[in-house]
Amino acid sequence: MSLQLHRPDGKGGLEPRPAVERDWRTQLRSARWGAALSRGRLPELGNPEMNPTSVTRSVLFWLVLAAATFGTIVLGYGSGFWHFAG
């Protein structure tokens, strides 16, 4: 089953609109999609929302977080702030 575009026929009904352009990419006029560039190539686009973190920095973050969590637990139980149920 395909989705066809229809238009009014002037008598209150609809008639199918023939598909004129098979390649939908030629309808895109924005330079972002490469229509304005030579040979239809796509432009180089950076992603301003994505700045990847280096592996070293991310591993260091998780190690510091783990050490801080462990230190908090040890300090809490060592000082008597928390205690084992017994």
N, C-alpha and C. Protein backbone atom coordinates (compact mmCIF):
# COMPACT_ATOMS: atom_id res chain seq x y z
N MET A 1 0.84 -1.16 0.00
CA MET A 1 0.00 0.00 0.00
C MET A 1 0.90 1.24 0.00
N SER A 2 0.59 2.18 -0.84
CA SER A 2 1.39 3.39 -0.90
C SER A 2 0.52 4.60 -0.57
N LEU A 3 1.18 5.64 -0.10
CA LEU A 3 0.49 6.86 0.22
C LEU A 3 0.58 7.79 -0.99
N GLN A 4 -0.55 8.10 -1.58
CA GLN A 4 -0.57 8.97 -2.74
C GLN A 4 -1.11 10.34 -2.35
N LEU A 5 -0.63 11.36 -3.03
CA LEU A 5 -1.15 12.70 -2.81
C LEU A 5 -2.37 12.88 -3.71
N HIS A 6 -3.40 13.51 -3.17
CA HIS A 6 -4.62 13.75 -3.93
C HIS A 6 -4.93 15.23 -3.93
N ARG A 7 -5.65 15.66 -4.93
CA ARG A 7 -6.08 17.05 -5.02
C ARG A 7 -7.55 17.07 -5.42
N PRO A 8 -8.22 18.20 -5.13
CA PRO A 8 -9.64 18.28 -5.50
C PRO A 8 -9.81 18.21 -7.02
N ASP A 9 -10.86 17.52 -7.45
CA ASP A 9 -11.10 17.38 -8.89
C ASP A 9 -12.07 18.44 -9.41
N GLY A 10 -12.60 19.31 -8.55
CA GLY A 10 -13.54 20.35 -8.98
C GLY A 10 -14.98 19.92 -8.90
N LYS A 11 -15.27 18.67 -8.64
CA LYS A 11 -16.64 18.16 -8.55
C LYS A 11 -16.96 17.66 -7.14
N GLY A 12 -16.12 18.03 -6.18
CA GLY A 12 -16.35 17.60 -4.80
C GLY A 12 -15.61 16.33 -4.44
N GLY A 13 -14.87 15.77 -5.35
CA GLY A 13 -14.12 14.55 -5.09
C GLY A 13 -12.62 14.81 -5.10
N LEU A 14 -11.89 13.75 -5.06
CA LEU A 14 -10.43 13.83 -5.09
C LEU A 14 -9.90 13.00 -6.24
N GLU A 15 -8.82 13.47 -6.83
CA GLU A 15 -8.16 12.70 -7.86
C GLU A 15 -6.69 12.56 -7.48
N PRO A 16 -6.08 11.43 -7.80
CA PRO A 16 -4.66 11.25 -7.45
C PRO A 16 -3.78 12.22 -8.21
N ARG A 17 -2.80 12.75 -7.53
CA ARG A 17 -1.83 13.64 -8.16
C ARG A 17 -0.67 12.78 -8.64
N PRO A 18 -0.36 12.87 -9.92
CA PRO A 18 0.75 12.04 -10.42
C PRO A 18 2.08 12.48 -9.82
N ALA A 19 2.90 11.51 -9.53
CA ALA A 19 4.22 11.80 -8.98
C ALA A 19 5.12 12.25 -10.11
N VAL A 20 5.53 13.51 -10.06
CA VAL A 20 6.36 14.08 -11.12
C VAL A 20 7.83 13.84 -10.83
N GLU A 21 8.23 14.11 -9.61
CA GLU A 21 9.64 14.01 -9.24
C GLU A 21 9.87 12.76 -8.41
N ARG A 22 10.68 11.85 -8.91
CA ARG A 22 10.97 10.62 -8.19
C ARG A 22 12.03 10.82 -7.11
N ASP A 23 12.98 11.73 -7.35
CA ASP A 23 14.07 11.94 -6.42
C ASP A 23 13.71 13.10 -5.49
N TRP A 24 13.35 12.81 -4.26
CA TRP A 24 12.92 13.83 -3.32
C TRP A 24 14.06 14.76 -2.92
N ARG A 25 15.31 14.32 -3.09
CA ARG A 25 16.45 15.15 -2.70
C ARG A 25 16.59 16.40 -3.56
N THR A 26 16.06 16.38 -4.77
CA THR A 26 16.15 17.57 -5.61
C THR A 26 15.21 18.67 -5.14
N GLN A 27 14.23 18.33 -4.30
CA GLN A 27 13.31 19.33 -3.79
C GLN A 27 13.88 20.09 -2.60
N LEU A 28 14.93 19.60 -2.01
CA LEU A 28 15.54 20.27 -0.87
C LEU A 28 16.40 21.41 -1.38
N ARG A 29 16.07 22.62 -0.99
CA ARG A 29 16.76 23.79 -1.50
C ARG A 29 17.78 24.36 -0.52
N SER A 30 17.76 23.91 0.70
CA SER A 30 18.65 24.46 1.70
C SER A 30 20.09 24.06 1.42
N ALA A 31 21.01 25.01 1.62
CA ALA A 31 22.44 24.69 1.44
C ALA A 31 22.89 23.65 2.44
N ARG A 32 22.18 23.56 3.53
CA ARG A 32 22.54 22.57 4.56
C ARG A 32 22.46 21.15 4.01
N TRP A 33 21.55 20.91 3.11
CA TRP A 33 21.37 19.57 2.58
C TRP A 33 22.19 19.35 1.32
N GLY A 34 22.99 20.30 0.92
CA GLY A 34 23.88 20.10 -0.20
C GLY A 34 23.29 20.42 -1.56
N ALA A 35 22.07 20.92 -1.62
CA ALA A 35 21.47 21.22 -2.91
C ALA A 35 22.20 22.36 -3.60
N ALA A 36 22.72 23.31 -2.82
CA ALA A 36 23.41 24.46 -3.41
C ALA A 36 24.89 24.19 -3.65
N LEU A 37 25.40 23.08 -3.18
CA LEU A 37 26.82 22.76 -3.36
C LEU A 37 27.04 21.99 -4.65
N SER A 38 28.25 22.04 -5.13
CA SER A 38 28.54 21.34 -6.38
C SER A 38 28.48 19.82 -6.18
N ARG A 39 28.02 19.15 -7.19
CA ARG A 39 27.91 17.68 -7.24
C ARG A 39 27.04 17.11 -6.12
N GLY A 40 26.21 17.93 -5.50
CA GLY A 40 25.29 17.43 -4.49
C GLY A 40 25.96 16.91 -3.23
N ARG A 41 27.20 17.30 -2.99
CA ARG A 41 27.90 16.81 -1.80
C ARG A 41 27.35 17.50 -0.57
N LEU A 42 27.43 16.85 0.56
CA LEU A 42 26.94 17.41 1.81
C LEU A 42 28.01 18.27 2.45
N PRO A 43 27.63 19.36 3.10
CA PRO A 43 28.61 20.23 3.76
C PRO A 43 29.09 19.61 5.06
N GLU A 44 30.24 20.07 5.53
CA GLU A 44 30.75 19.66 6.82
C GLU A 44 30.00 20.45 7.89
N LEU A 45 29.27 19.75 8.74
CA LEU A 45 28.52 20.41 9.79
C LEU A 45 29.00 19.92 11.14
N GLY A 46 29.34 20.86 12.00
CA GLY A 46 29.71 20.49 13.36
C GLY A 46 28.46 20.40 14.22
N ASN A 47 28.54 19.65 15.26
CA ASN A 47 27.42 19.53 16.18
C ASN A 47 27.75 20.35 17.43
N PRO A 48 27.15 21.54 17.58
CA PRO A 48 27.48 22.38 18.72
C PRO A 48 27.00 21.82 20.06
N GLU A 49 26.11 20.86 20.03
CA GLU A 49 25.60 20.29 21.27
C GLU A 49 26.44 19.11 21.75
N MET A 50 27.35 18.67 20.94
CA MET A 50 28.13 17.48 21.28
C MET A 50 29.61 17.82 21.29
N ASN A 51 30.19 17.91 22.46
CA ASN A 51 31.62 18.06 22.62
C ASN A 51 32.10 16.88 23.44
N PRO A 52 32.61 15.85 22.79
CA PRO A 52 32.95 14.63 23.52
C PRO A 52 34.04 14.85 24.57
N THR A 53 33.89 14.18 25.68
CA THR A 53 34.87 14.23 26.76
C THR A 53 35.96 13.21 26.47
N SER A 54 37.18 13.57 26.79
CA SER A 54 38.28 12.64 26.55
C SER A 54 38.15 11.44 27.49
N VAL A 55 38.73 10.33 27.08
CA VAL A 55 38.64 9.09 27.86
C VAL A 55 39.34 9.29 29.21
N THR A 56 40.47 9.95 29.20
CA THR A 56 41.22 10.17 30.44
C THR A 56 40.40 10.97 31.44
N ARG A 57 39.77 12.03 30.97
CA ARG A 57 38.97 12.87 31.87
C ARG A 57 37.76 12.12 32.40
N SER A 58 37.10 11.33 31.58
CA SER A 58 35.92 10.60 32.05
C SER A 58 36.30 9.50 33.05
N VAL A 59 37.41 8.79 32.79
CA VAL A 59 37.86 7.75 33.74
C VAL A 59 38.26 8.40 35.05
N LEU A 60 38.96 9.53 34.98
CA LEU A 60 39.36 10.25 36.20
C LEU A 60 38.14 10.71 36.99
N PHE A 61 37.11 11.19 36.30
CA PHE A 61 35.88 11.61 36.96
C PHE A 61 35.26 10.46 37.75
N TRP A 62 35.13 9.28 37.12
CA TRP A 62 34.49 8.15 37.79
C TRP A 62 35.34 7.63 38.94
N LEU A 63 36.66 7.67 38.79
CA LEU A 63 37.52 7.23 39.89
C LEU A 63 37.41 8.18 41.09
N VAL A 64 37.39 9.48 40.83
CA VAL A 64 37.24 10.46 41.92
C VAL A 64 35.87 10.31 42.58
N LEU A 65 34.84 10.10 41.79
CA LEU A 65 33.50 9.91 42.35
C LEU A 65 33.44 8.65 43.22
N ALA A 66 34.06 7.57 42.75
CA ALA A 66 34.08 6.32 43.53
C ALA A 66 34.86 6.51 44.83
N ALA A 67 36.01 7.20 44.76
CA ALA A 67 36.81 7.43 45.97
C ALA A 67 36.06 8.32 46.95
N ALA A 68 35.37 9.35 46.47
CA ALA A 68 34.61 10.23 47.35
C ALA A 68 33.46 9.47 48.01
N THR A 69 32.79 8.61 47.26
CA THR A 69 31.70 7.82 47.82
C THR A 69 32.22 6.86 48.88
N PHE A 70 33.31 6.18 48.57
CA PHE A 70 33.91 5.25 49.53
C PHE A 70 34.36 6.00 50.78
N GLY A 71 34.99 7.16 50.60
CA GLY A 71 35.44 7.95 51.74
C GLY A 71 34.28 8.42 52.61
N THR A 72 33.19 8.82 51.99
CA THR A 72 32.01 9.25 52.74
C THR A 72 31.43 8.11 53.56
N ILE A 73 31.38 6.94 52.98
CA ILE A 73 30.84 5.77 53.70
C ILE A 73 31.76 5.41 54.87
N VAL A 74 33.06 5.36 54.63
CA VAL A 74 34.01 5.02 55.69
C VAL A 74 33.97 6.05 56.81
N LEU A 75 33.95 7.34 56.46
CA LEU A 75 33.87 8.39 57.48
C LEU A 75 32.56 8.32 58.26
N GLY A 76 31.46 8.05 57.57
CA GLY A 76 30.15 7.98 58.22
C GLY A 76 30.08 6.86 59.23
N TYR A 77 30.54 5.67 58.85
CA TYR A 77 30.50 4.54 59.78
C TYR A 77 31.60 4.67 60.84
N GLY A 78 32.77 5.21 60.47
CA GLY A 78 33.87 5.35 61.42
C GLY A 78 33.58 6.35 62.51
N SER A 79 32.87 7.41 62.21
CA SER A 79 32.56 8.44 63.22
C SER A 79 31.33 8.10 64.04
N GLY A 80 30.59 7.10 63.66
CA GLY A 80 29.40 6.72 64.38
C GLY A 80 28.15 7.44 63.89
N PHE A 81 28.28 8.25 62.85
CA PHE A 81 27.12 8.95 62.28
C PHE A 81 26.11 7.93 61.76
N TRP A 82 26.62 6.89 61.11
CA TRP A 82 25.81 5.75 60.73
C TRP A 82 26.27 4.55 61.55
N HIS A 83 25.39 3.61 61.72
CA HIS A 83 25.80 2.39 62.43
C HIS A 83 25.06 1.21 61.83
N PHE A 84 25.66 0.03 62.02
CA PHE A 84 25.05 -1.20 61.52
C PHE A 84 23.85 -1.55 62.37
N ALA A 85 22.81 -2.02 61.73
CA ALA A 85 21.62 -2.47 62.49
C ALA A 85 21.96 -3.76 63.16
N GLY A 86 21.61 -3.88 64.39
CA GLY A 86 22.01 -5.12 65.05
C GLY A 86 21.23 -5.43 66.19
